Amino acid sequence: MSAAAISVTGRHELRLRVLRRFLRHRLAVASAVILAVLILASVFAPAVERLLGADIRDVDLSAILQGPSPAHPLGTDELGRDLLVRLLYGGRISLLVGLVAAVFSAIIGAAIGIVAGYFGGRLDDLLMRFTDGVIALPILPLLIVLAAVDLTKLGLPASVANSSDISLYRIIVITALFGWTGVARLVRGATLSLKEREFVRAAIAMGASPWRVMRIHILPNAISPIVVATTLSVGGIILFESVLSFLGLGIQPPIPSWGNMLTGAQEQLSSAPQLMIWPGLMIFVTVIAFNFLGDGLQDALDPRALSD
């Protein structure tokens, strides 16, 4: 058997071993199924909207705070809008913010971690002290302050600063800028270990540039901690977005998110508690599911277990 065939067979066996270890983690598997259902339901929100004949933008004052019915499976909100459709569209926004911000955080953290770990010395000290400084910041108060900044004072045109979409982009940017520290520390640790391995030393001896070594030889082998840290961070980002939106500093109406749905429901808590129960339940289930999924991936991708 050729060396290439042996390598392919080894990778296939490794994937099967990872899959088997993940499937043994029942909470992680259940979480993956729940998240898949939530994502698919959010993706097909327009189809559900057409099926129910309910436009998310239409206000129907004659149907305020109605209970569940065939036309409105979860009832209506304080403006007569279908609650199920708003939940699905809110899921689109909350999940989008969590996933996109987590990916950008992972990119920033991986870049800082791999550079710090590979070059070491003063650059490593500088980058890690900067990382420690970001970790030491009180993140939630800082996010609240940044979310409240008037963008026109930063030089953005008023038409852009006051648009309905700018709140979505702002939440993604500010959460990504302060959510990369965990990935950076994990990738630095993996890089410190990998750069001493024989295949990395061989690449350096053959004249490969540092950027090629980091991109081709180190980064692919450090992907496991990046995936785990990114998965675990999604839930926290969704929670931050929900808190900011609940405070009126996050996603702004008419764009729905689970957080700003809670804001509209707080005045109806005694008369229509379902307006707060449903978005609160979606946030709770999603955050817990991402955490369990991250735990399952961490166990499945643990190199010590895979080497047994």
Protein backbone atom coordinates (compact mmCIF):
# COMPACT_ATOMS: atom_id res chain seq x y z
CA MET A 1 0.00 0.00 0.00
CA SER A 2 1.37 3.43 -0.94
CA ALA A 3 2.13 6.15 1.62
CA ALA A 4 -0.72 8.29 0.23
CA ALA A 5 -3.22 5.45 0.65
CA ILE A 6 -2.00 4.83 4.21
CA SER A 7 -2.41 8.54 4.98
CA VAL A 8 -5.96 8.60 3.58
CA THR A 9 -6.88 5.46 5.53
CA GLY A 10 -5.47 6.97 8.72
CA ARG A 11 -7.46 10.17 8.28
CA HIS A 12 -10.63 8.16 7.61
CA GLU A 13 -10.13 6.10 10.77
CA LEU A 14 -9.47 9.26 12.78
CA ARG A 15 -12.72 10.84 11.54
CA LEU A 16 -14.65 7.69 12.45
CA ARG A 17 -13.10 7.70 15.92
CA VAL A 18 -14.05 11.36 16.40
CA LEU A 19 -17.60 10.66 15.22
CA ARG A 20 -17.97 7.65 17.53
CA ARG A 21 -16.74 9.65 20.52
CA PHE A 22 -19.11 12.49 19.69
CA LEU A 23 -22.11 10.17 19.31
CA ARG A 24 -21.44 8.76 22.78
CA HIS A 25 -22.03 12.26 24.18
CA ARG A 26 -25.84 12.14 24.25
CA LEU A 27 -26.39 15.72 25.36
CA ALA A 28 -24.14 16.98 22.58
CA VAL A 29 -26.00 14.91 19.97
CA ALA A 30 -29.37 16.13 21.27
CA SER A 31 -28.06 19.71 21.24
CA ALA A 32 -26.87 19.34 17.65
CA VAL A 33 -30.34 18.12 16.62
CA ILE A 34 -32.06 20.97 18.46
CA LEU A 35 -29.76 23.58 16.90
CA ALA A 36 -30.27 22.07 13.44
CA VAL A 37 -34.05 22.32 13.90
CA LEU A 38 -33.79 25.93 15.11
CA ILE A 39 -31.53 26.93 12.22
CA LEU A 40 -33.74 25.24 9.62
CA ALA A 41 -36.88 26.78 11.13
CA SER A 42 -35.26 30.23 11.00
CA VAL A 43 -34.08 29.71 7.42
CA PHE A 44 -37.60 28.76 6.35
CA ALA A 45 -39.25 31.62 8.26
CA PRO A 46 -40.51 33.26 5.00
CA ALA A 47 -42.17 29.97 4.01
CA VAL A 48 -43.93 29.74 7.39
CA GLU A 49 -44.95 33.38 7.01
CA ARG A 50 -46.56 32.69 3.64
CA LEU A 51 -48.18 29.49 4.91
CA LEU A 52 -49.86 31.32 7.79
CA GLY A 53 -50.65 34.37 5.66
CA ALA A 54 -49.06 36.59 8.31
CA ASP A 55 -46.80 39.45 7.28
CA ILE A 56 -44.19 40.22 9.94
CA ARG A 57 -44.46 43.93 9.18
CA ASP A 58 -48.28 44.17 9.39
CA VAL A 59 -49.81 45.63 12.54
CA ASP A 60 -53.34 44.37 13.26
CA LEU A 61 -54.86 46.29 16.16
CA SER A 62 -57.97 44.11 16.00
CA ALA A 63 -55.94 41.00 16.86
CA ILE A 64 -53.90 42.25 19.83
CA LEU A 65 -52.75 39.64 22.37
CA GLN A 66 -54.79 36.80 20.94
CA GLY A 67 -54.21 33.27 22.20
CA PRO A 68 -53.07 30.32 20.09
CA SER A 69 -55.27 29.51 17.10
CA PRO A 70 -54.93 27.81 13.69
CA ALA A 71 -54.16 31.20 12.15
CA HIS A 72 -51.65 32.11 14.90
CA PRO A 73 -50.21 28.92 16.47
CA LEU A 74 -48.51 30.83 19.32
CA GLY A 75 -50.91 33.78 19.39
CA THR A 76 -50.19 37.42 18.64
CA ASP A 77 -48.17 40.17 20.31
CA GLU A 78 -49.06 43.61 21.64
CA LEU A 79 -49.40 44.95 18.07
CA GLY A 80 -51.36 42.01 16.65
CA ARG A 81 -48.36 40.46 14.86
CA ASP A 82 -47.98 36.68 14.66
CA LEU A 83 -45.72 35.54 17.51
CA LEU A 84 -44.44 32.38 15.79
CA VAL A 85 -43.33 34.27 12.68
CA ARG A 86 -41.58 36.91 14.79
CA LEU A 87 -39.83 34.18 16.80
CA LEU A 88 -38.52 32.58 13.62
CA TYR A 89 -37.33 35.88 12.16
CA GLY A 90 -35.86 36.79 15.56
CA GLY A 91 -34.01 33.48 15.52
CA ARG A 92 -32.53 34.43 12.15
CA ILE A 93 -31.04 37.59 13.63
CA SER A 94 -29.91 36.17 16.98
CA LEU A 95 -28.31 33.08 15.41
CA LEU A 96 -26.74 35.18 12.65
CA VAL A 97 -25.17 37.53 15.20
CA GLY A 98 -23.90 34.63 17.30
CA LEU A 99 -22.44 32.61 14.44
CA VAL A 100 -20.92 35.48 12.43
CA ALA A 101 -19.43 37.22 15.47
CA ALA A 102 -18.02 33.90 16.72
CA VAL A 103 -16.38 33.21 13.36
CA PHE A 104 -14.81 36.68 13.22
CA SER A 105 -13.65 36.32 16.83
CA ALA A 106 -12.08 32.97 15.94
CA ILE A 107 -10.25 34.51 12.97
CA ILE A 108 -8.85 37.35 15.10
CA GLY A 109 -7.95 35.03 17.98
CA ALA A 110 -6.33 32.43 15.73
CA ALA A 111 -4.21 35.07 13.98
CA ILE A 112 -2.99 36.58 17.26
CA GLY A 113 -2.43 33.20 18.92
CA ILE A 114 -0.49 31.62 16.08
CA VAL A 115 1.77 34.67 15.62
CA ALA A 116 2.45 34.90 19.36
CA GLY A 117 3.16 31.19 19.70
CA TYR A 118 5.34 30.87 16.62
CA PHE A 119 7.58 33.93 16.98
CA GLY A 120 7.66 33.97 20.79
CA GLY A 121 9.95 36.43 22.60
CA ARG A 122 8.92 40.04 23.01
CA LEU A 123 6.17 39.79 20.40
CA ASP A 124 4.62 36.91 22.35
CA ASP A 125 4.85 38.88 25.59
CA LEU A 126 3.30 41.97 23.98
CA LEU A 127 0.41 40.07 22.38
CA MET A 128 -0.35 38.01 25.49
CA ARG A 129 -0.28 41.04 27.79
CA PHE A 130 -2.66 42.76 25.37
CA THR A 131 -4.87 39.64 25.51
CA ASP A 132 -4.77 39.66 29.31
CA GLY A 133 -5.78 43.32 29.25
CA VAL A 134 -8.82 42.59 27.09
CA ILE A 135 -9.78 39.67 29.35
CA ALA A 136 -9.58 41.96 32.40
CA LEU A 137 -12.07 44.42 30.90
CA PRO A 138 -15.67 44.33 32.24
CA ILE A 139 -17.14 43.14 28.96
CA LEU A 140 -20.86 43.76 29.49
CA PRO A 141 -20.52 47.39 30.70
CA LEU A 142 -18.04 48.01 27.89
CA LEU A 143 -20.42 46.58 25.28
CA ILE A 144 -23.23 48.72 26.68
CA VAL A 145 -21.09 51.86 26.33
CA LEU A 146 -19.98 50.98 22.78
CA ALA A 147 -23.53 50.10 21.74
CA ALA A 148 -24.72 53.51 22.96
CA VAL A 149 -22.08 55.53 21.06
CA ASP A 150 -23.52 57.99 18.54
CA LEU A 151 -22.07 56.82 15.24
CA THR A 152 -22.48 60.22 13.61
CA LYS A 153 -19.79 61.52 15.99
CA LEU A 154 -17.43 58.89 14.59
CA GLY A 155 -17.77 60.33 11.10
CA LEU A 156 -20.47 58.08 9.66
CA PRO A 157 -23.15 59.79 7.53
CA ALA A 158 -26.47 60.24 9.32
CA SER A 159 -28.24 58.13 6.70
CA VAL A 160 -25.96 55.19 7.55
CA ALA A 161 -25.80 55.76 11.32
CA ASN A 162 -29.60 55.89 11.60
CA SER A 163 -30.41 53.00 9.27
CA SER A 164 -32.23 49.97 10.68
CA ASP A 165 -29.43 47.58 9.67
CA ILE A 166 -26.57 49.43 11.35
CA SER A 167 -27.49 48.08 14.80
CA LEU A 168 -27.02 44.53 13.50
CA TYR A 169 -23.55 45.30 12.09
CA ARG A 170 -22.52 47.20 15.20
CA ILE A 171 -23.40 44.29 17.53
CA ILE A 172 -21.45 41.85 15.35
CA VAL A 173 -18.39 44.13 15.26
CA ILE A 174 -18.21 45.00 18.96
CA THR A 175 -18.79 41.41 20.13
CA ALA A 176 -16.19 40.10 17.67
CA LEU A 177 -13.63 42.69 18.78
CA PHE A 178 -13.79 41.55 22.41
CA GLY A 179 -14.61 37.85 22.07
CA TRP A 180 -11.36 36.51 20.60
CA THR A 181 -9.26 36.12 23.73
CA GLY A 182 -10.12 32.48 24.51
CA VAL A 183 -9.29 31.36 20.97
CA ALA A 184 -6.00 33.30 21.05
CA ARG A 185 -4.78 31.60 24.22
CA LEU A 186 -5.77 28.12 22.99
CA VAL A 187 -4.13 28.59 19.59
CA ARG A 188 -0.97 29.98 21.17
CA GLY A 189 -0.69 26.90 23.36
CA ALA A 190 -1.25 24.58 20.39
CA THR A 191 1.31 26.51 18.33
CA LEU A 192 3.97 26.27 21.04
CA SER A 193 3.54 22.50 20.97
CA LEU A 194 3.29 22.09 17.20
CA LYS A 195 6.34 24.17 16.30
CA GLU A 196 8.53 21.63 18.10
CA ARG A 197 7.16 18.72 16.06
CA GLU A 198 9.32 17.01 13.46
CA PHE A 199 7.23 17.94 10.43
CA VAL A 200 7.36 21.64 11.33
CA ARG A 201 11.12 21.48 11.93
CA ALA A 202 11.54 19.73 8.58
CA ALA A 203 9.55 22.43 6.79
CA ILE A 204 11.70 25.14 8.38
CA ALA A 205 14.89 23.26 7.46
CA MET A 206 13.73 23.07 3.85
CA GLY A 207 13.45 26.86 3.74
CA ALA A 208 9.71 27.39 4.18
CA SER A 209 8.87 30.94 5.25
CA PRO A 210 7.30 31.52 8.70
CA TRP A 211 3.97 32.52 7.11
CA ARG A 212 3.91 29.32 5.03
CA VAL A 213 4.75 27.19 8.07
CA MET A 214 1.98 28.84 10.11
CA ARG A 215 -0.58 28.61 7.30
CA ILE A 216 0.18 25.14 5.93
CA HIS A 217 1.61 23.16 8.84
CA ILE A 218 0.45 24.71 12.12
CA LEU A 219 -3.01 26.17 11.52
CA PRO A 220 -4.63 22.98 10.12
CA ASN A 221 -3.31 21.01 13.11
CA ALA A 222 -4.63 23.62 15.56
CA ILE A 223 -8.13 23.61 14.11
CA SER A 224 -9.64 21.43 16.87
CA PRO A 225 -9.31 23.98 19.72
CA ILE A 226 -10.50 26.71 17.35
CA VAL A 227 -13.68 24.77 16.51
CA VAL A 228 -14.39 24.00 20.16
CA ALA A 229 -13.76 27.56 21.38
CA THR A 230 -15.85 29.03 18.55
CA THR A 231 -18.78 26.73 19.32
CA LEU A 232 -18.64 27.56 23.01
CA SER A 233 -18.51 31.30 22.30
CA VAL A 234 -21.68 31.36 20.16
CA GLY A 235 -23.96 30.94 23.16
CA GLY A 236 -22.26 33.73 25.07
CA ILE A 237 -22.49 36.10 22.11
CA ILE A 238 -26.21 35.36 21.67
CA LEU A 239 -26.66 36.09 25.37
CA PHE A 240 -24.78 39.41 25.07
CA GLU A 241 -26.88 40.37 22.03
CA SER A 242 -30.07 39.53 23.91
CA VAL A 243 -29.04 41.63 26.92
CA LEU A 244 -28.12 44.63 24.76
CA SER A 245 -31.32 44.33 22.71
CA PHE A 246 -33.38 44.01 25.89
CA LEU A 247 -31.80 47.25 27.13
CA GLY A 248 -32.65 48.93 23.82
CA LEU A 249 -29.01 49.19 22.74
CA GLY A 250 -28.80 46.17 20.44
CA ILE A 251 -30.88 45.19 17.42
CA GLN A 252 -33.39 47.94 16.82
CA PRO A 253 -37.00 47.50 15.64
CA PRO A 254 -38.46 46.86 13.13
CA ILE A 255 -35.78 44.12 12.87
CA PRO A 256 -36.88 41.43 15.37
CA SER A 257 -34.49 39.56 17.64
CA TRP A 258 -35.20 37.47 20.69
CA GLY A 259 -33.72 40.19 22.88
CA ASN A 260 -35.85 43.09 21.62
CA MET A 261 -38.93 40.85 21.68
CA LEU A 262 -38.37 40.61 25.44
CA THR A 263 -38.24 44.41 25.59
CA GLY A 264 -41.67 44.70 23.99
CA ALA A 265 -43.07 41.98 26.26
CA GLN A 266 -42.05 43.36 29.65
CA GLU A 267 -45.06 45.69 29.85
CA GLN A 268 -47.40 42.78 29.10
CA LEU A 269 -45.93 40.35 31.62
CA SER A 270 -49.05 40.01 33.74
CA SER A 271 -51.61 39.99 30.92
CA ALA A 272 -49.66 38.05 28.26
CA PRO A 273 -46.70 36.18 29.83
CA GLN A 274 -46.25 34.09 26.66
CA LEU A 275 -44.72 37.13 24.96
CA MET A 276 -41.76 36.84 27.34
CA ILE A 277 -41.78 33.08 27.84
CA TRP A 278 -41.25 32.11 24.19
CA PRO A 279 -38.27 34.35 23.29
CA GLY A 280 -36.76 33.72 26.73
CA LEU A 281 -37.10 29.97 26.18
CA MET A 282 -35.47 30.23 22.74
CA ILE A 283 -32.49 32.11 24.21
CA PHE A 284 -32.15 29.61 27.06
CA VAL A 285 -32.38 26.52 24.84
CA THR A 286 -29.99 27.92 22.23
CA VAL A 287 -27.31 28.99 24.71
CA ILE A 288 -27.47 25.68 26.61
CA ALA A 289 -27.42 23.68 23.35
CA PHE A 290 -24.30 25.46 22.06
CA ASN A 291 -22.56 24.87 25.39
CA PHE A 292 -23.38 21.14 25.37
CA LEU A 293 -22.34 20.92 21.71
CA GLY A 294 -19.02 22.56 22.55
CA ASP A 295 -18.48 20.12 25.43
CA GLY A 296 -19.18 17.19 23.12
CA LEU A 297 -16.78 18.46 20.48
CA GLN A 298 -14.13 19.06 23.12
CA ASP A 299 -14.39 15.45 24.27
CA ALA A 300 -14.50 14.08 20.71
CA LEU A 301 -11.50 16.09 19.50
CA ASP A 302 -9.37 15.59 22.61
CA PRO A 303 -6.00 14.46 21.18
CA ARG A 304 -5.17 12.44 24.31
CA ALA A 305 -8.34 10.36 23.90
CA LEU A 306 -7.81 9.96 20.15
CA SER A 307 -4.32 8.63 20.68
CA ASP A 308 -5.55 5.80 22.92
